[in-house]
Amino acid sequence: MRLIRKCPRDGAYTLHEKCPTCGAETKPAHPPRFSPVDRMVKYRILARRGKVC
């Protein structure tokens, strides 16, 4: 199963690793799954905010 991806440069949606219109690398269009028992969530939040622990 292939998931839909989004180009950060022009906002196009595709199934490919590279955008067919501009050639940039695409990123997954959906956020990662949430788990209430995730032990690493604290570190991910700090990394997203740009703080080093």
PDB file of N, CA and C in Angstrom:
ATOM      1  N   MET A   1       0.840  -1.179   0.000  1.00  0.00           N
ATOM      2  CA  MET A   1       0.000   0.000   0.000  1.00  0.00           C
ATOM      3  C   MET A   1       0.883   1.239   0.000  1.00  0.00           C
ATOM      4  N   ARG A   2       0.638   2.139  -0.920  1.00  0.00           N
ATOM      5  CA  ARG A   2       1.404   3.371  -1.006  1.00  0.00           C
ATOM      6  C   ARG A   2       0.583   4.521  -0.448  1.00  0.00           C
ATOM      7  N   LEU A   3       1.228   5.355   0.326  1.00  0.00           N
ATOM      8  CA  LEU A   3       0.538   6.488   0.921  1.00  0.00           C
ATOM      9  C   LEU A   3       0.765   7.735   0.088  1.00  0.00           C
ATOM     10  N   ILE A   4      -0.184   8.635   0.151  1.00  0.00           N
ATOM     11  CA  ILE A   4      -0.090   9.874  -0.603  1.00  0.00           C
ATOM     12  C   ILE A   4       0.995  10.767   0.002  1.00  0.00           C
ATOM     13  N   ARG A   5       1.698  11.486  -0.845  1.00  0.00           N
ATOM     14  CA  ARG A   5       2.790  12.362  -0.429  1.00  0.00           C
ATOM     15  C   ARG A   5       2.517  13.773  -0.943  1.00  0.00           C
ATOM     16  N   LYS A   6       3.154  14.773  -0.315  1.00  0.00           N
ATOM     17  CA  LYS A   6       2.928  16.164  -0.686  1.00  0.00           C
ATOM     18  C   LYS A   6       4.260  16.854  -0.930  1.00  0.00           C
ATOM     19  N   CYS A   7       4.309  17.661  -1.967  1.00  0.00           N
ATOM     20  CA  CYS A   7       5.509  18.426  -2.283  1.00  0.00           C
ATOM     21  C   CYS A   7       5.518  19.688  -1.419  1.00  0.00           C
ATOM     22  N   PRO A   8       6.592  19.934  -0.652  1.00  0.00           N
ATOM     23  CA  PRO A   8       6.625  21.138   0.192  1.00  0.00           C
ATOM     24  C   PRO A   8       6.827  22.415  -0.615  1.00  0.00           C
ATOM     25  N   ARG A   9       7.359  22.296  -1.817  1.00  0.00           N
ATOM     26  CA  ARG A   9       7.650  23.481  -2.628  1.00  0.00           C
ATOM     27  C   ARG A   9       6.402  24.056  -3.281  1.00  0.00           C
ATOM     28  N   ASP A  10       5.613  23.221  -3.973  1.00  0.00           N
ATOM     29  CA  ASP A  10       4.445  23.753  -4.683  1.00  0.00           C
ATOM     30  C   ASP A  10       3.106  23.215  -4.172  1.00  0.00           C
ATOM     31  N   GLY A  11       3.126  22.320  -3.183  1.00  0.00           N
ATOM     32  CA  GLY A  11       1.893  21.838  -2.558  1.00  0.00           C
ATOM     33  C   GLY A  11       1.146  20.782  -3.353  1.00  0.00           C
ATOM     34  N   ALA A  12       1.774  20.194  -4.369  1.00  0.00           N
ATOM     35  CA  ALA A  12       1.124  19.163  -5.177  1.00  0.00           C
ATOM     36  C   ALA A  12       1.130  17.823  -4.434  1.00  0.00           C
ATOM     37  N   TYR A  13       0.070  17.057  -4.595  1.00  0.00           N
ATOM     38  CA  TYR A  13      -0.031  15.727  -4.008  1.00  0.00           C
ATOM     39  C   TYR A  13       0.328  14.692  -5.059  1.00  0.00           C
ATOM     40  N   THR A  14       1.048  13.643  -4.648  1.00  0.00           N
ATOM     41  CA  THR A  14       1.477  12.599  -5.565  1.00  0.00           C
ATOM     42  C   THR A  14       1.747  11.314  -4.797  1.00  0.00           C
ATOM     43  N   LEU A  15       1.983  10.234  -5.518  1.00  0.00           N
ATOM     44  CA  LEU A  15       2.373   8.970  -4.907  1.00  0.00           C
ATOM     45  C   LEU A  15       3.864   8.711  -5.070  1.00  0.00           C
ATOM     46  N   HIS A  16       4.571   9.580  -5.768  1.00  0.00           N
ATOM     47  CA  HIS A  16       5.987   9.402  -6.075  1.00  0.00           C
ATOM     48  C   HIS A  16       6.887  10.026  -5.015  1.00  0.00           C
ATOM     49  N   GLU A  17       8.147   9.577  -4.969  1.00  0.00           N
ATOM     50  CA  GLU A  17       9.134  10.120  -4.036  1.00  0.00           C
ATOM     51  C   GLU A  17       9.581  11.528  -4.448  1.00  0.00           C
ATOM     52  N   LYS A  18       9.506  11.823  -5.741  1.00  0.00           N
ATOM     53  CA  LYS A  18       9.858  13.150  -6.261  1.00  0.00           C
ATOM     54  C   LYS A  18       8.634  13.754  -6.919  1.00  0.00           C
ATOM     55  N   CYS A  19       8.487  15.060  -6.781  1.00  0.00           N
ATOM     56  CA  CYS A  19       7.350  15.777  -7.352  1.00  0.00           C
ATOM     57  C   CYS A  19       7.442  15.750  -8.879  1.00  0.00           C
ATOM     58  N   PRO A  20       6.360  15.366  -9.575  1.00  0.00           N
ATOM     59  CA  PRO A  20       6.411  15.326 -11.033  1.00  0.00           C
ATOM     60  C   PRO A  20       6.449  16.708 -11.679  1.00  0.00           C
ATOM     61  N   THR A  21       6.024  17.758 -10.982  1.00  0.00           N
ATOM     62  CA  THR A  21       6.014  19.084 -11.590  1.00  0.00           C
ATOM     63  C   THR A  21       7.311  19.857 -11.372  1.00  0.00           C
ATOM     64  N   CYS A  22       7.884  19.779 -10.164  1.00  0.00           N
ATOM     65  CA  CYS A  22       9.091  20.576  -9.901  1.00  0.00           C
ATOM     66  C   CYS A  22      10.331  19.739  -9.604  1.00  0.00           C
ATOM     67  N   GLY A  23      10.181  18.438  -9.334  1.00  0.00           N
ATOM     68  CA  GLY A  23      11.323  17.568  -9.100  1.00  0.00           C
ATOM     69  C   GLY A  23      11.851  17.562  -7.676  1.00  0.00           C
ATOM     70  N   ALA A  24      11.184  18.223  -6.735  1.00  0.00           N
ATOM     71  CA  ALA A  24      11.623  18.264  -5.337  1.00  0.00           C
ATOM     72  C   ALA A  24      11.232  16.969  -4.627  1.00  0.00           C
ATOM     73  N   GLU A  25      11.930  16.653  -3.538  1.00  0.00           N
ATOM     74  CA  GLU A  25      11.590  15.486  -2.720  1.00  0.00           C
ATOM     75  C   GLU A  25      10.251  15.734  -2.031  1.00  0.00           C
ATOM     76  N   THR A  26       9.385  14.727  -2.029  1.00  0.00           N
ATOM     77  CA  THR A  26       8.085  14.860  -1.379  1.00  0.00           C
ATOM     78  C   THR A  26       8.148  14.331   0.046  1.00  0.00           C
ATOM     79  N   LYS A  27       7.201  14.752   0.856  1.00  0.00           N
ATOM     80  CA  LYS A  27       7.098  14.319   2.247  1.00  0.00           C
ATOM     81  C   LYS A  27       5.736  13.670   2.451  1.00  0.00           C
ATOM     82  N   PRO A  28       5.616  12.788   3.458  1.00  0.00           N
ATOM     83  CA  PRO A  28       4.303  12.192   3.724  1.00  0.00           C
ATOM     84  C   PRO A  28       3.276  13.283   4.058  1.00  0.00           C
ATOM     85  N   ALA A  29       2.077  13.141   3.542  1.00  0.00           N
ATOM     86  CA  ALA A  29       1.037  14.153   3.728  1.00  0.00           C
ATOM     87  C   ALA A  29       0.340  14.026   5.077  1.00  0.00           C
ATOM     88  N   HIS A  30       0.530  12.910   5.765  1.00  0.00           N
ATOM     89  CA  HIS A  30      -0.156  12.672   7.027  1.00  0.00           C
ATOM     90  C   HIS A  30       0.832  12.687   8.183  1.00  0.00           C
ATOM     91  N   PRO A  31       0.405  13.112   9.370  1.00  0.00           N
ATOM     92  CA  PRO A  31       1.293  13.052  10.532  1.00  0.00           C
ATOM     93  C   PRO A  31       1.507  11.611  10.985  1.00  0.00           C
ATOM     94  N   PRO A  32       2.559  11.359  11.764  1.00  0.00           N
ATOM     95  CA  PRO A  32       2.757   9.997  12.278  1.00  0.00           C
ATOM     96  C   PRO A  32       1.621   9.593  13.215  1.00  0.00           C
ATOM     97  N   ARG A  33       1.433   8.305  13.362  1.00  0.00           N
ATOM     98  CA  ARG A  33       0.367   7.813  14.240  1.00  0.00           C
ATOM     99  C   ARG A  33       0.636   8.193  15.690  1.00  0.00           C
ATOM    100  N   PHE A  34      -0.447   8.418  16.428  1.00  0.00           N
ATOM    101  CA  PHE A  34      -0.358   8.779  17.836  1.00  0.00           C
ATOM    102  C   PHE A  34      -0.570   7.537  18.690  1.00  0.00           C
ATOM    103  N   SER A  35       0.255   7.393  19.703  1.00  0.00           N
ATOM    104  CA  SER A  35       0.087   6.294  20.641  1.00  0.00           C
ATOM    105  C   SER A  35       0.154   6.851  22.060  1.00  0.00           C
ATOM    106  N   PRO A  36      -0.816   6.593  22.894  1.00  0.00           N
ATOM    107  CA  PRO A  36      -0.784   7.118  24.263  1.00  0.00           C
ATOM    108  C   PRO A  36       0.307   6.481  25.122  1.00  0.00           C
ATOM    109  N   VAL A  37       0.879   5.374  24.708  1.00  0.00           N
ATOM    110  CA  VAL A  37       1.939   4.729  25.480  1.00  0.00           C
ATOM    111  C   VAL A  37       3.322   4.989  24.871  1.00  0.00           C
ATOM    112  N   ASP A  38       3.435   6.019  24.044  1.00  0.00           N
ATOM    113  CA  ASP A  38       4.697   6.353  23.387  1.00  0.00           C
ATOM    114  C   ASP A  38       5.657   6.958  24.415  1.00  0.00           C
ATOM    115  N   ARG A  39       6.818   6.320  24.582  1.00  0.00           N
ATOM    116  CA  ARG A  39       7.784   6.793  25.577  1.00  0.00           C
ATOM    117  C   ARG A  39       8.678   7.899  25.033  1.00  0.00           C
ATOM    118  N   MET A  40       8.738   8.095  23.730  1.00  0.00           N
ATOM    119  CA  MET A  40       9.637   9.068  23.127  1.00  0.00           C
ATOM    120  C   MET A  40       8.950  10.380  22.750  1.00  0.00           C
ATOM    121  N   VAL A  41       7.689  10.543  23.114  1.00  0.00           N
ATOM    122  CA  VAL A  41       6.949  11.736  22.725  1.00  0.00           C
ATOM    123  C   VAL A  41       7.599  13.004  23.287  1.00  0.00           C
ATOM    124  N   LYS A  42       8.154  12.946  24.479  1.00  0.00           N
ATOM    125  CA  LYS A  42       8.790  14.118  25.087  1.00  0.00           C
ATOM    126  C   LYS A  42       9.953  14.610  24.222  1.00  0.00           C
ATOM    127  N   TYR A  43      10.740  13.679  23.719  1.00  0.00           N
ATOM    128  CA  TYR A  43      11.902  14.042  22.910  1.00  0.00           C
ATOM    129  C   TYR A  43      11.492  14.562  21.533  1.00  0.00           C
ATOM    130  N   ARG A  44      10.410  14.013  20.971  1.00  0.00           N
ATOM    131  CA  ARG A  44       9.934  14.495  19.676  1.00  0.00           C
ATOM    132  C   ARG A  44       9.412  15.916  19.780  1.00  0.00           C
ATOM    133  N   ILE A  45       8.709  16.221  20.864  1.00  0.00           N
ATOM    134  CA  ILE A  45       8.185  17.573  21.064  1.00  0.00           C
ATOM    135  C   ILE A  45       9.334  18.556  21.232  1.00  0.00           C
ATOM    136  N   LEU A  46      10.347  18.190  21.993  1.00  0.00           N
ATOM    137  CA  LEU A  46      11.501  19.070  22.172  1.00  0.00           C
ATOM    138  C   LEU A  46      12.248  19.278  20.848  1.00  0.00           C
ATOM    139  N   ALA A  47      12.373  18.241  20.048  1.00  0.00           N
ATOM    140  CA  ALA A  47      13.049  18.363  18.753  1.00  0.00           C
ATOM    141  C   ALA A  47      12.249  19.251  17.802  1.00  0.00           C
ATOM    142  N   ARG A  48      10.940  19.149  17.849  1.00  0.00           N
ATOM    143  CA  ARG A  48      10.090  19.966  16.970  1.00  0.00           C
ATOM    144  C   ARG A  48      10.195  21.432  17.351  1.00  0.00           C
ATOM    145  N   ARG A  49      10.332  21.732  18.624  1.00  0.00           N
ATOM    146  CA  ARG A  49      10.454  23.116  19.097  1.00  0.00           C
ATOM    147  C   ARG A  49      11.864  23.673  18.935  1.00  0.00           C
ATOM    148  N   GLY A  50      12.806  22.796  18.588  1.00  0.00           N
ATOM    149  CA  GLY A  50      14.175  23.256  18.362  1.00  0.00           C
ATOM    150  C   GLY A  50      15.024  23.279  19.606  1.00  0.00           C
ATOM    151  N   LYS A  51      14.567  22.684  20.689  1.00  0.00           N
ATOM    152  CA  LYS A  51      15.328  22.642  21.929  1.00  0.00           C
ATOM    153  C   LYS A  51      16.067  21.328  22.033  1.00  0.00           C
ATOM    154  N   VAL A  52      17.291  21.388  22.423  1.00  0.00           N
ATOM    155  CA  VAL A  52      18.078  20.169  22.612  1.00  0.00           C
ATOM    156  C   VAL A  52      18.014  19.776  24.068  1.00  0.00           C
ATOM    157  N   CYS A  53      17.777  18.484  24.332  1.00  0.00           N
ATOM    158  CA  CYS A  53      17.660  18.053  25.734  1.00  0.00           C
ATOM    159  C   CYS A  53      18.957  17.524  26.258  1.00  0.00           C
TER     160      CYS A  53
END
